Amino acid sequence: MAGTGLSITQFSILRTLARGGPTALSDLAGELVMERTSLYRTISPLVERGSVTLEQGKNKKIKVATLTPGGEAMIESASPNWEKAQQHITEALGQDTWAALSQTLLSIPNIVTDLK
């Protein structure tokens, strides 16, 4: 993500909000498999830059994150770097290995959840 001003985690936050729309921070942390405190620290610069807004939910304890047009523009400008990195990894590992690794990585949150 060099040159974009985003960390990979911030890029993930923006893309998750783009896919899912406004999301309560606790739900967003769960979807990203992050501790809420880590999410709050990571999302703060995005809020300061105007890429994400935080509003009070129905319950005063709930904060809802929403992607702004500025956040959409950040995704658009960072996406070529992301796609280039993905292509490099796929080429280095080979399509079959990358597909197997991706499936394995996607299964980890369910495995961890089963431990609770």
PDB file of N, CA and C in Angstrom:
ATOM      1  N   MET A   1       0.825  -1.198   0.000  1.00  0.00           N
ATOM      2  CA  MET A   1       0.000   0.000   0.000  1.00  0.00           C
ATOM      3  C   MET A   1       0.869   1.263   0.000  1.00  0.00           C
ATOM      4  N   ALA A   2       2.141   1.050  -0.281  1.00  0.00           N
ATOM      5  CA  ALA A   2       3.080   2.173  -0.305  1.00  0.00           C
ATOM      6  C   ALA A   2       2.555   3.291  -1.200  1.00  0.00           C
ATOM      7  N   GLY A   3       2.670   4.503  -0.703  1.00  0.00           N
ATOM      8  CA  GLY A   3       2.269   5.662  -1.481  1.00  0.00           C
ATOM      9  C   GLY A   3       0.793   5.999  -1.425  1.00  0.00           C
ATOM     10  N   THR A   4      -0.008   5.172  -0.773  1.00  0.00           N
ATOM     11  CA  THR A   4      -1.457   5.436  -0.728  1.00  0.00           C
ATOM     12  C   THR A   4      -1.866   6.186   0.533  1.00  0.00           C
ATOM     13  N   GLY A   5      -1.010   6.175   1.537  1.00  0.00           N
ATOM     14  CA  GLY A   5      -1.376   6.784   2.810  1.00  0.00           C
ATOM     15  C   GLY A   5      -2.253   5.882   3.657  1.00  0.00           C
ATOM     16  N   LEU A   6      -2.428   4.633   3.223  1.00  0.00           N
ATOM     17  CA  LEU A   6      -3.260   3.670   3.948  1.00  0.00           C
ATOM     18  C   LEU A   6      -2.424   2.483   4.393  1.00  0.00           C
ATOM     19  N   SER A   7      -2.768   1.962   5.545  1.00  0.00           N
ATOM     20  CA  SER A   7      -2.227   0.661   5.933  1.00  0.00           C
ATOM     21  C   SER A   7      -3.129  -0.404   5.308  1.00  0.00           C
ATOM     22  N   ILE A   8      -2.646  -1.623   5.256  1.00  0.00           N
ATOM     23  CA  ILE A   8      -3.465  -2.700   4.698  1.00  0.00           C
ATOM     24  C   ILE A   8      -4.729  -2.896   5.533  1.00  0.00           C
ATOM     25  N   THR A   9      -4.623  -2.681   6.839  1.00  0.00           N
ATOM     26  CA  THR A   9      -5.792  -2.825   7.708  1.00  0.00           C
ATOM     27  C   THR A   9      -6.817  -1.730   7.418  1.00  0.00           C
ATOM     28  N   GLN A  10      -6.351  -0.511   7.202  1.00  0.00           N
ATOM     29  CA  GLN A  10      -7.275   0.572   6.863  1.00  0.00           C
ATOM     30  C   GLN A  10      -7.944   0.317   5.516  1.00  0.00           C
ATOM     31  N   PHE A  11      -7.189  -0.193   4.562  1.00  0.00           N
ATOM     32  CA  PHE A  11      -7.755  -0.543   3.261  1.00  0.00           C
ATOM     33  C   PHE A  11      -8.839  -1.610   3.427  1.00  0.00           C
ATOM     34  N   SER A  12      -8.576  -2.582   4.288  1.00  0.00           N
ATOM     35  CA  SER A  12      -9.567  -3.629   4.564  1.00  0.00           C
ATOM     36  C   SER A  12     -10.825  -3.053   5.187  1.00  0.00           C
ATOM     37  N   ILE A  13     -10.664  -2.117   6.095  1.00  0.00           N
ATOM     38  CA  ILE A  13     -11.820  -1.464   6.719  1.00  0.00           C
ATOM     39  C   ILE A  13     -12.659  -0.765   5.650  1.00  0.00           C
ATOM     40  N   LEU A  14     -11.994   0.017   4.799  1.00  0.00           N
ATOM     41  CA  LEU A  14     -12.718   0.744   3.756  1.00  0.00           C
ATOM     42  C   LEU A  14     -13.456  -0.206   2.820  1.00  0.00           C
ATOM     43  N   ARG A  15     -12.788  -1.271   2.399  1.00  0.00           N
ATOM     44  CA  ARG A  15     -13.429  -2.223   1.486  1.00  0.00           C
ATOM     45  C   ARG A  15     -14.584  -2.954   2.149  1.00  0.00           C
ATOM     46  N   THR A  16     -14.448  -3.269   3.420  1.00  0.00           N
ATOM     47  CA  THR A  16     -15.526  -3.947   4.142  1.00  0.00           C
ATOM     48  C   THR A  16     -16.748  -3.029   4.237  1.00  0.00           C
ATOM     49  N   LEU A  17     -16.518  -1.755   4.513  1.00  0.00           N
ATOM     50  CA  LEU A  17     -17.630  -0.804   4.569  1.00  0.00           C
ATOM     51  C   LEU A  17     -18.243  -0.596   3.180  1.00  0.00           C
ATOM     52  N   ALA A  18     -17.420  -0.627   2.147  1.00  0.00           N
ATOM     53  CA  ALA A  18     -17.943  -0.473   0.781  1.00  0.00           C
ATOM     54  C   ALA A  18     -18.850  -1.645   0.421  1.00  0.00           C
ATOM     55  N   ARG A  19     -18.473  -2.836   0.859  1.00  0.00           N
ATOM     56  CA  ARG A  19     -19.286  -4.031   0.553  1.00  0.00           C
ATOM     57  C   ARG A  19     -20.553  -4.086   1.400  1.00  0.00           C
ATOM     58  N   GLY A  20     -20.427  -3.759   2.680  1.00  0.00           N
ATOM     59  CA  GLY A  20     -21.532  -3.991   3.601  1.00  0.00           C
ATOM     60  C   GLY A  20     -22.362  -2.788   3.982  1.00  0.00           C
ATOM     61  N   GLY A  21     -21.920  -1.606   3.601  1.00  0.00           N
ATOM     62  CA  GLY A  21     -22.649  -0.407   3.989  1.00  0.00           C
ATOM     63  C   GLY A  21     -22.382  -0.045   5.444  1.00  0.00           C
ATOM     64  N   PRO A  22     -23.152   0.908   5.982  1.00  0.00           N
ATOM     65  CA  PRO A  22     -22.948   1.333   7.364  1.00  0.00           C
ATOM     66  C   PRO A  22     -22.977   0.138   8.314  1.00  0.00           C
ATOM     67  N   THR A  23     -21.991   0.102   9.223  1.00  0.00           N
ATOM     68  CA  THR A  23     -21.826  -1.063  10.083  1.00  0.00           C
ATOM     69  C   THR A  23     -21.457  -0.624  11.491  1.00  0.00           C
ATOM     70  N   ALA A  24     -22.092  -1.224  12.484  1.00  0.00           N
ATOM     71  CA  ALA A  24     -21.732  -0.965  13.882  1.00  0.00           C
ATOM     72  C   ALA A  24     -20.279  -1.387  14.088  1.00  0.00           C
ATOM     73  N   LEU A  25     -19.531  -0.610  14.867  1.00  0.00           N
ATOM     74  CA  LEU A  25     -18.116  -0.906  15.068  1.00  0.00           C
ATOM     75  C   LEU A  25     -17.882  -2.294  15.651  1.00  0.00           C
ATOM     76  N   SER A  26     -18.734  -2.730  16.551  1.00  0.00           N
ATOM     77  CA  SER A  26     -18.552  -4.068  17.123  1.00  0.00           C
ATOM     78  C   SER A  26     -18.722  -5.138  16.047  1.00  0.00           C
ATOM     79  N   ASP A  27     -19.682  -4.942  15.141  1.00  0.00           N
ATOM     80  CA  ASP A  27     -19.875  -5.890  14.040  1.00  0.00           C
ATOM     81  C   ASP A  27     -18.713  -5.827  13.053  1.00  0.00           C
ATOM     82  N   LEU A  28     -18.220  -4.624  12.804  1.00  0.00           N
ATOM     83  CA  LEU A  28     -17.092  -4.449  11.893  1.00  0.00           C
ATOM     84  C   LEU A  28     -15.850  -5.143  12.451  1.00  0.00           C
ATOM     85  N   ALA A  29     -15.615  -4.997  13.737  1.00  0.00           N
ATOM     86  CA  ALA A  29     -14.476  -5.672  14.374  1.00  0.00           C
ATOM     87  C   ALA A  29     -14.605  -7.179  14.222  1.00  0.00           C
ATOM     88  N   GLY A  30     -15.802  -7.699  14.422  1.00  0.00           N
ATOM     89  CA  GLY A  30     -16.021  -9.133  14.267  1.00  0.00           C
ATOM     90  C   GLY A  30     -15.793  -9.603  12.851  1.00  0.00           C
ATOM     91  N   GLU A  31     -16.274  -8.835  11.893  1.00  0.00           N
ATOM     92  CA  GLU A  31     -16.107  -9.213  10.487  1.00  0.00           C
ATOM     93  C   GLU A  31     -14.632  -9.188  10.071  1.00  0.00           C
ATOM     94  N   LEU A  32     -13.886  -8.231  10.614  1.00  0.00           N
ATOM     95  CA  LEU A  32     -12.469  -8.112  10.284  1.00  0.00           C
ATOM     96  C   LEU A  32     -11.574  -8.978  11.175  1.00  0.00           C
ATOM     97  N   VAL A  33     -12.191  -9.644  12.143  1.00  0.00           N
ATOM     98  CA  VAL A  33     -11.473 -10.478  13.120  1.00  0.00           C
ATOM     99  C   VAL A  33     -10.409  -9.627  13.810  1.00  0.00           C
ATOM    100  N   MET A  34     -10.883  -8.522  14.389  1.00  0.00           N
ATOM    101  CA  MET A  34     -10.014  -7.584  15.106  1.00  0.00           C
ATOM    102  C   MET A  34     -10.586  -7.335  16.490  1.00  0.00           C
ATOM    103  N   GLU A  35      -9.716  -7.023  17.414  1.00  0.00           N
ATOM    104  CA  GLU A  35     -10.169  -6.529  18.717  1.00  0.00           C
ATOM    105  C   GLU A  35     -10.784  -5.149  18.491  1.00  0.00           C
ATOM    106  N   ARG A  36     -11.838  -4.846  19.235  1.00  0.00           N
ATOM    107  CA  ARG A  36     -12.503  -3.545  19.054  1.00  0.00           C
ATOM    108  C   ARG A  36     -11.550  -2.390  19.301  1.00  0.00           C
ATOM    109  N   THR A  37     -10.700  -2.499  20.321  1.00  0.00           N
ATOM    110  CA  THR A  37      -9.775  -1.390  20.606  1.00  0.00           C
ATOM    111  C   THR A  37      -8.800  -1.181  19.451  1.00  0.00           C
ATOM    112  N   SER A  38      -8.365  -2.260  18.818  1.00  0.00           N
ATOM    113  CA  SER A  38      -7.477  -2.137  17.656  1.00  0.00           C
ATOM    114  C   SER A  38      -8.216  -1.480  16.497  1.00  0.00           C
ATOM    115  N   LEU A  39      -9.470  -1.856  16.308  1.00  0.00           N
ATOM    116  CA  LEU A  39     -10.272  -1.236  15.255  1.00  0.00           C
ATOM    117  C   LEU A  39     -10.416   0.258  15.511  1.00  0.00           C
ATOM    118  N   TYR A  40     -10.716   0.640  16.739  1.00  0.00           N
ATOM    119  CA  TYR A  40     -10.910   2.050  17.055  1.00  0.00           C
ATOM    120  C   TYR A  40      -9.647   2.859  16.749  1.00  0.00           C
ATOM    121  N   ARG A  41      -8.476   2.308  17.106  1.00  0.00           N
ATOM    122  CA  ARG A  41      -7.215   3.007  16.825  1.00  0.00           C
ATOM    123  C   ARG A  41      -6.959   3.101  15.325  1.00  0.00           C
ATOM    124  N   THR A  42      -7.296   2.064  14.598  1.00  0.00           N
ATOM    125  CA  THR A  42      -7.019   2.018  13.165  1.00  0.00           C
ATOM    126  C   THR A  42      -7.995   2.854  12.361  1.00  0.00           C
ATOM    127  N   ILE A  43      -9.226   2.954  12.822  1.00  0.00           N
ATOM    128  CA  ILE A  43     -10.240   3.703  12.072  1.00  0.00           C
ATOM    129  C   ILE A  43     -10.158   5.210  12.354  1.00  0.00           C
ATOM    130  N   SER A  44      -9.583   5.599  13.473  1.00  0.00           N
ATOM    131  CA  SER A  44      -9.514   7.021  13.849  1.00  0.00           C
ATOM    132  C   SER A  44      -8.884   7.897  12.766  1.00  0.00           C
ATOM    133  N   PRO A  45      -7.733   7.506  12.180  1.00  0.00           N
ATOM    134  CA  PRO A  45      -7.176   8.345  11.110  1.00  0.00           C
ATOM    135  C   PRO A  45      -8.091   8.435   9.889  1.00  0.00           C
ATOM    136  N   LEU A  46      -8.850   7.388   9.620  1.00  0.00           N
ATOM    137  CA  LEU A  46      -9.790   7.419   8.498  1.00  0.00           C
ATOM    138  C   LEU A  46     -10.920   8.414   8.767  1.00  0.00           C
ATOM    139  N   VAL A  47     -11.343   8.484  10.023  1.00  0.00           N
ATOM    140  CA  VAL A  47     -12.374   9.450  10.420  1.00  0.00           C
ATOM    141  C   VAL A  47     -11.804  10.863  10.316  1.00  0.00           C
ATOM    142  N   GLU A  48     -10.564  11.048  10.795  1.00  0.00           N
ATOM    143  CA  GLU A  48      -9.925  12.367  10.754  1.00  0.00           C
ATOM    144  C   GLU A  48      -9.758  12.863   9.320  1.00  0.00           C
ATOM    145  N   ARG A  49      -9.492  11.956   8.378  1.00  0.00           N
ATOM    146  CA  ARG A  49      -9.326  12.328   6.961  1.00  0.00           C
ATOM    147  C   ARG A  49     -10.658  12.484   6.243  1.00  0.00           C
ATOM    148  N   GLY A  50     -11.740  12.140   6.891  1.00  0.00           N
ATOM    149  CA  GLY A  50     -13.052  12.256   6.263  1.00  0.00           C
ATOM    150  C   GLY A  50     -13.402  11.098   5.352  1.00  0.00           C
ATOM    151  N   SER A  51     -12.696   9.972   5.489  1.00  0.00           N
ATOM    152  CA  SER A  51     -12.971   8.794   4.667  1.00  0.00           C
ATOM    153  C   SER A  51     -14.094   7.950   5.237  1.00  0.00           C
ATOM    154  N   VAL A  52     -14.282   8.072   6.537  1.00  0.00           N
ATOM    155  CA  VAL A  52     -15.312   7.324   7.265  1.00  0.00           C
ATOM    156  C   VAL A  52     -15.962   8.286   8.241  1.00  0.00           C
ATOM    157  N   THR A  53     -17.269   8.161   8.410  1.00  0.00           N
ATOM    158  CA  THR A  53     -17.941   8.909   9.470  1.00  0.00           C
ATOM    159  C   THR A  53     -18.375   7.925  10.546  1.00  0.00           C
ATOM    160  N   LEU A  54     -18.420   8.400  11.772  1.00  0.00           N
ATOM    161  CA  LEU A  54     -18.935   7.615  12.904  1.00  0.00           C
ATOM    162  C   LEU A  54     -20.138   8.349  13.455  1.00  0.00           C
ATOM    163  N   GLU A  55     -21.243   7.637  13.571  1.00  0.00           N
ATOM    164  CA  GLU A  55     -22.459   8.214  14.111  1.00  0.00           C
ATOM    165  C   GLU A  55     -23.011   7.309  15.195  1.00  0.00           C
ATOM    166  N   GLN A  56     -23.781   7.893  16.067  1.00  0.00           N
ATOM    167  CA  GLN A  56     -24.410   7.118  17.126  1.00  0.00           C
ATOM    168  C   GLN A  56     -25.504   6.250  16.521  1.00  0.00           C
ATOM    169  N   GLY A  57     -25.539   4.992  16.955  1.00  0.00           N
ATOM    170  CA  GLY A  57     -26.578   4.079  16.499  1.00  0.00           C
ATOM    171  C   GLY A  57     -27.852   4.272  17.290  1.00  0.00           C
ATOM    172  N   LYS A  58     -28.773   3.330  17.146  1.00  0.00           N
ATOM    173  CA  LYS A  58     -30.042   3.395  17.865  1.00  0.00           C
ATOM    174  C   LYS A  58     -29.825   3.398  19.365  1.00  0.00           C
ATOM    175  N   ASN A  59     -28.867   2.613  19.802  1.00  0.00           N
ATOM    176  CA  ASN A  59     -28.471   2.556  21.196  1.00  0.00           C
ATOM    177  C   ASN A  59     -27.306   3.520  21.369  1.00  0.00           C
ATOM    178  N   LYS A  60     -27.290   4.307  22.439  1.00  0.00           N
ATOM    179  CA  LYS A  60     -26.237   5.296  22.632  1.00  0.00           C
ATOM    180  C   LYS A  60     -24.843   4.676  22.720  1.00  0.00           C
ATOM    181  N   LYS A  61     -24.757   3.403  23.057  1.00  0.00           N
ATOM    182  CA  LYS A  61     -23.467   2.740  23.175  1.00  0.00           C
ATOM    183  C   LYS A  61     -22.914   2.295  21.815  1.00  0.00           C
ATOM    184  N   ILE A  62     -23.762   2.269  20.803  1.00  0.00           N
ATOM    185  CA  ILE A  62     -23.363   1.759  19.488  1.00  0.00           C
ATOM    186  C   ILE A  62     -22.903   2.900  18.594  1.00  0.00           C
ATOM    187  N   LYS A  63     -21.741   2.719  17.979  1.00  0.00           N
ATOM    188  CA  LYS A  63     -21.235   3.648  16.969  1.00  0.00           C
ATOM    189  C   LYS A  63     -21.289   2.941  15.624  1.00  0.00           C
ATOM    190  N   VAL A  64     -21.771   3.648  14.615  1.00  0.00           N
ATOM    191  CA  VAL A  64     -21.912   3.082  13.273  1.00  0.00           C
ATOM    192  C   VAL A  64     -20.943   3.802  12.337  1.00  0.00           C
ATOM    193  N   ALA A  65     -20.142   3.013  11.625  1.00  0.00           N
ATOM    194  CA  ALA A  65     -19.188   3.550  10.653  1.00  0.00           C
ATOM    195  C   ALA A  65     -19.818   3.536   9.272  1.00  0.00           C
ATOM    196  N   THR A  66     -19.617   4.629   8.542  1.00  0.00           N
ATOM    197  CA  THR A  66     -20.130   4.754   7.183  1.00  0.00           C
ATOM    198  C   THR A  66     -19.017   5.268   6.277  1.00  0.00           C
ATOM    199  N   LEU A  67     -18.882   4.653   5.122  1.00  0.00           N
ATOM    200  CA  LEU A  67     -17.905   5.077   4.127  1.00  0.00           C
ATOM    201  C   LEU A  67     -18.392   6.366   3.471  1.00  0.00           C
ATOM    202  N   THR A  68     -17.496   7.322   3.299  1.00  0.00           N
ATOM    203  CA  THR A  68     -17.831   8.582   2.639  1.00  0.00           C
ATOM    204  C   THR A  68     -17.360   8.543   1.185  1.00  0.00           C
ATOM    205  N   PRO A  69     -17.780   9.516   0.384  1.00  0.00           N
ATOM    206  CA  PRO A  69     -17.231   9.590  -0.972  1.00  0.00           C
ATOM    207  C   PRO A  69     -15.693   9.686  -0.980  1.00  0.00           C
ATOM    208  N   GLY A  70     -15.131  10.359   0.008  1.00  0.00           N
ATOM    209  CA  GLY A  70     -13.673  10.423   0.118  1.00  0.00           C
ATOM    210  C   GLY A  70     -13.069   9.052   0.364  1.00  0.00           C
ATOM    211  N   GLY A  71     -13.755   8.239   1.150  1.00  0.00           N
ATOM    212  CA  GLY A  71     -13.304   6.871   1.391  1.00  0.00           C
ATOM    213  C   GLY A  71     -13.387   6.029   0.138  1.00  0.00           C
ATOM    214  N   GLU A  72     -14.449   6.235  -0.638  1.00  0.00           N
ATOM    215  CA  GLU A  72     -14.587   5.525  -1.913  1.00  0.00           C
ATOM    216  C   GLU A  72     -13.439   5.896  -2.848  1.00  0.00           C
ATOM    217  N   ALA A  73     -13.063   7.166  -2.845  1.00  0.00           N
ATOM    218  CA  ALA A  73     -11.953   7.617  -3.689  1.00  0.00           C
ATOM    219  C   ALA A  73     -10.638   6.993  -3.226  1.00  0.00           C
ATOM    220  N   MET A  74     -10.464   6.838  -1.918  1.00  0.00           N
ATOM    221  CA  MET A  74      -9.245   6.202  -1.404  1.00  0.00           C
ATOM    222  C   MET A  74      -9.167   4.743  -1.859  1.00  0.00           C
ATOM    223  N   ILE A  75     -10.293   4.046  -1.830  1.00  0.00           N
ATOM    224  CA  ILE A  75     -10.319   2.657  -2.308  1.00  0.00           C
ATOM    225  C   ILE A  75      -9.918   2.619  -3.777  1.00  0.00           C
ATOM    226  N   GLU A  76     -10.501   3.511  -4.547  1.00  0.00           N
ATOM    227  CA  GLU A  76     -10.223   3.536  -5.978  1.00  0.00           C
ATOM    228  C   GLU A  76      -8.750   3.813  -6.255  1.00  0.00           C
ATOM    229  N   SER A  77      -8.155   4.733  -5.516  1.00  0.00           N
ATOM    230  CA  SER A  77      -6.747   5.058  -5.782  1.00  0.00           C
ATOM    231  C   SER A  77      -5.801   3.969  -5.273  1.00  0.00           C
ATOM    232  N   ALA A  78      -6.179   3.240  -4.223  1.00  0.00           N
ATOM    233  CA  ALA A  78      -5.310   2.198  -3.668  1.00  0.00           C
ATOM    234  C   ALA A  78      -5.508   0.843  -4.338  1.00  0.00           C
ATOM    235  N   SER A  79      -6.626   0.642  -5.004  1.00  0.00           N
ATOM    236  CA  SER A  79      -6.933  -0.663  -5.597  1.00  0.00           C
ATOM    237  C   SER A  79      -5.890  -1.161  -6.597  1.00  0.00           C
ATOM    238  N   PRO A  80      -5.329  -0.309  -7.460  1.00  0.00           N
ATOM    239  CA  PRO A  80      -4.299  -0.831  -8.362  1.00  0.00           C
ATOM    240  C   PRO A  80      -3.096  -1.433  -7.615  1.00  0.00           C
ATOM    241  N   ASN A  81      -2.685  -0.810  -6.514  1.00  0.00           N
ATOM    242  CA  ASN A  81      -1.581  -1.367  -5.713  1.00  0.00           C
ATOM    243  C   ASN A  81      -1.967  -2.717  -5.130  1.00  0.00           C
ATOM    244  N   TRP A  82      -3.193  -2.816  -4.638  1.00  0.00           N
ATOM    245  CA  TRP A  82      -3.688  -4.067  -4.067  1.00  0.00           C
ATOM    246  C   TRP A  82      -3.727  -5.164  -5.128  1.00  0.00           C
ATOM    247  N   GLU A  83      -4.261  -4.822  -6.280  1.00  0.00           N
ATOM    248  CA  GLU A  83      -4.357  -5.801  -7.362  1.00  0.00           C
ATOM    249  C   GLU A  83      -2.973  -6.243  -7.839  1.00  0.00           C
ATOM    250  N   LYS A  84      -2.032  -5.315  -7.895  1.00  0.00           N
ATOM    251  CA  LYS A  84      -0.660  -5.649  -8.298  1.00  0.00           C
ATOM    252  C   LYS A  84      -0.035  -6.611  -7.282  1.00  0.00           C
ATOM    253  N   ALA A  85      -0.239  -6.351  -5.998  1.00  0.00           N
ATOM    254  CA  ALA A  85       0.301  -7.240  -4.957  1.00  0.00           C
ATOM    255  C   ALA A  85      -0.342  -8.623  -5.042  1.00  0.00           C
ATOM    256  N   GLN A  86      -1.642  -8.666  -5.259  1.00  0.00           N
ATOM    257  CA  GLN A  86      -2.333  -9.943  -5.384  1.00  0.00           C
ATOM    258  C   GLN A  86      -1.820 -10.731  -6.590  1.00  0.00           C
ATOM    259  N   GLN A  87      -1.612 -10.048  -7.686  1.00  0.00           N
ATOM    260  CA  GLN A  87      -1.107 -10.702  -8.896  1.00  0.00           C
ATOM    261  C   GLN A  87       0.302 -11.251  -8.656  1.00  0.00           C
ATOM    262  N   HIS A  88       1.134 -10.469  -7.992  1.00  0.00           N
ATOM    263  CA  HIS A  88       2.500 -10.901  -7.698  1.00  0.00           C
ATOM    264  C   HIS A  88       2.495 -12.162  -6.831  1.00  0.00           C
ATOM    265  N   ILE A  89       1.667 -12.178  -5.806  1.00  0.00           N
ATOM    266  CA  ILE A  89       1.590 -13.341  -4.918  1.00  0.00           C
ATOM    267  C   ILE A  89       1.074 -14.558  -5.676  1.00  0.00           C
ATOM    268  N   THR A  90       0.041 -14.370  -6.461  1.00  0.00           N
ATOM    269  CA  THR A  90      -0.527 -15.480  -7.231  1.00  0.00           C
ATOM    270  C   THR A  90       0.501 -16.058  -8.200  1.00  0.00           C
ATOM    271  N   GLU A  91       1.231 -15.185  -8.868  1.00  0.00           N
ATOM    272  CA  GLU A  91       2.259 -15.656  -9.806  1.00  0.00           C
ATOM    273  C   GLU A  91       3.399 -16.372  -9.079  1.00  0.00           C
ATOM    274  N   ALA A  92       3.791 -15.839  -7.920  1.00  0.00           N
ATOM    275  CA  ALA A  92       4.897 -16.439  -7.172  1.00  0.00           C
ATOM    276  C   ALA A  92       4.529 -17.813  -6.618  1.00  0.00           C
ATOM    277  N   LEU A  93       3.301 -17.957  -6.143  1.00  0.00           N
ATOM    278  CA  LEU A  93       2.871 -19.222  -5.540  1.00  0.00           C
ATOM    279  C   LEU A  93       2.289 -20.199  -6.552  1.00  0.00           C
ATOM    280  N   GLY A  94       1.739 -19.675  -7.611  1.00  0.00           N
ATOM    281  CA  GLY A  94       0.992 -20.504  -8.559  1.00  0.00           C
ATOM    282  C   GLY A  94      -0.480 -20.456  -8.180  1.00  0.00           C
ATOM    283  N   GLN A  95      -1.337 -20.523  -9.182  1.00  0.00           N
ATOM    284  CA  GLN A  95      -2.784 -20.378  -8.972  1.00  0.00           C
ATOM    285  C   GLN A  95      -3.344 -21.426  -8.006  1.00  0.00           C
ATOM    286  N   ASP A  96      -2.941 -22.688  -8.160  1.00  0.00           N
ATOM    287  CA  ASP A  96      -3.482 -23.757  -7.309  1.00  0.00           C
ATOM    288  C   ASP A  96      -3.080 -23.573  -5.852  1.00  0.00           C
ATOM    289  N   THR A  97      -1.806 -23.253  -5.618  1.00  0.00           N
ATOM    290  CA  THR A  97      -1.330 -23.041  -4.244  1.00  0.00           C
ATOM    291  C   THR A  97      -2.014 -21.839  -3.626  1.00  0.00           C
ATOM    292  N   TRP A  98      -2.144 -20.758  -4.402  1.00  0.00           N
ATOM    293  CA  TRP A  98      -2.805 -19.566  -3.887  1.00  0.00           C
ATOM    294  C   TRP A  98      -4.265 -19.853  -3.540  1.00  0.00           C
ATOM    295  N   ALA A  99      -4.957 -20.597  -4.384  1.00  0.00           N
ATOM    296  CA  ALA A  99      -6.362 -20.931  -4.117  1.00  0.00           C
ATOM    297  C   ALA A  99      -6.482 -21.758  -2.841  1.00  0.00           C
ATOM    298  N   ALA A 100      -5.600 -22.729  -2.665  1.00  0.00           N
ATOM    299  CA  ALA A 100      -5.633 -23.563  -1.455  1.00  0.00           C
ATOM    300  C   ALA A 100      -5.310 -22.728  -0.215  1.00  0.00           C
ATOM    301  N   LEU A 101      -4.313 -21.861  -0.316  1.00  0.00           N
ATOM    302  CA  LEU A 101      -3.942 -21.007   0.809  1.00  0.00           C
ATOM    303  C   LEU A 101      -5.087 -20.062   1.171  1.00  0.00           C
ATOM    304  N   SER A 102      -5.725 -19.492   0.173  1.00  0.00           N
ATOM    305  CA  SER A 102      -6.853 -18.589   0.413  1.00  0.00           C
ATOM    306  C   SER A 102      -7.975 -19.292   1.163  1.00  0.00           C
ATOM    307  N   GLN A 103      -8.304 -20.504   0.740  1.00  0.00           N
ATOM    308  CA  GLN A 103      -9.351 -21.283   1.418  1.00  0.00           C
ATOM    309  C   GLN A 103      -8.969 -21.555   2.865  1.00  0.00           C
ATOM    310  N   THR A 104      -7.715 -21.897   3.083  1.00  0.00           N
ATOM    311  CA  THR A 104      -7.242 -22.169   4.445  1.00  0.00           C
ATOM    312  C   THR A 104      -7.351 -20.917   5.306  1.00  0.00           C
ATOM    313  N   LEU A 105      -6.897 -19.794   4.783  1.00  0.00           N
ATOM    314  CA  LEU A 105      -6.954 -18.546   5.542  1.00  0.00           C
ATOM    315  C   LEU A 105      -8.390 -18.137   5.857  1.00  0.00           C
ATOM    316  N   LEU A 106      -9.295 -18.349   4.914  1.00  0.00           N
ATOM    317  CA  LEU A 106     -10.699 -17.999   5.139  1.00  0.00           C
ATOM    318  C   LEU A 106     -11.360 -18.889   6.191  1.00  0.00           C
ATOM    319  N   SER A 107     -10.824 -20.071   6.414  1.00  0.00           N
ATOM    320  CA  SER A 107     -11.414 -20.975   7.405  1.00  0.00           C
ATOM    321  C   SER A 107     -10.967 -20.660   8.824  1.00  0.00           C
ATOM    322  N   ILE A 108      -9.888 -19.919   8.994  1.00  0.00           N
ATOM    323  CA  ILE A 108      -9.344 -19.662  10.330  1.00  0.00           C
ATOM    324  C   ILE A 108     -10.334 -18.954  11.253  1.00  0.00           C
ATOM    325  N   PRO A 109     -11.033 -17.891  10.826  1.00  0.00           N
ATOM    326  CA  PRO A 109     -11.978 -17.262  11.766  1.00  0.00           C
ATOM    327  C   PRO A 109     -13.024 -18.241  12.308  1.00  0.00           C
ATOM    328  N   ASN A 110     -13.516 -19.160  11.479  1.00  0.00           N
ATOM    329  CA  ASN A 110     -14.494 -20.129  11.959  1.00  0.00           C
ATOM    330  C   ASN A 110     -13.877 -21.098  12.973  1.00  0.00           C
ATOM    331  N   ILE A 111     -12.652 -21.475  12.732  1.00  0.00           N
ATOM    332  CA  ILE A 111     -11.959 -22.364  13.672  1.00  0.00           C
ATOM    333  C   ILE A 111     -11.778 -21.679  15.008  1.00  0.00           C
ATOM    334  N   VAL A 112     -11.368 -20.419  14.986  1.00  0.00           N
ATOM    335  CA  VAL A 112     -11.157 -19.667  16.222  1.00  0.00           C
ATOM    336  C   VAL A 112     -12.478 -19.461  16.951  1.00  0.00           C
ATOM    337  N   THR A 113     -13.532 -19.162  16.210  1.00  0.00           N
ATOM    338  CA  THR A 113     -14.854 -18.965  16.819  1.00  0.00           C
ATOM    339  C   THR A 113     -15.306 -20.232  17.524  1.00  0.00           C
ATOM    340  N   ASP A 114     -15.013 -21.384  16.946  1.00  0.00           N
ATOM    341  CA  ASP A 114     -15.395 -22.660  17.549  1.00  0.00           C
ATOM    342  C   ASP A 114     -14.689 -22.902  18.892  1.00  0.00           C
ATOM    343  N   LEU A 115     -13.575 -22.227  19.142  1.00  0.00           N
ATOM    344  CA  LEU A 115     -12.835 -22.390  20.389  1.00  0.00           C
ATOM    345  C   LEU A 115     -13.545 -21.702  21.568  1.00  0.00           C
ATOM    346  N   LYS A 116     -14.365 -20.737  21.292  1.00  0.00           N
ATOM    347  CA  LYS A 116     -15.011 -19.962  22.370  1.00  0.00           C
ATOM    348  C   LYS A 116     -16.027 -20.776  23.122  1.00  0.00           C
TER     349      LYS A 116
END
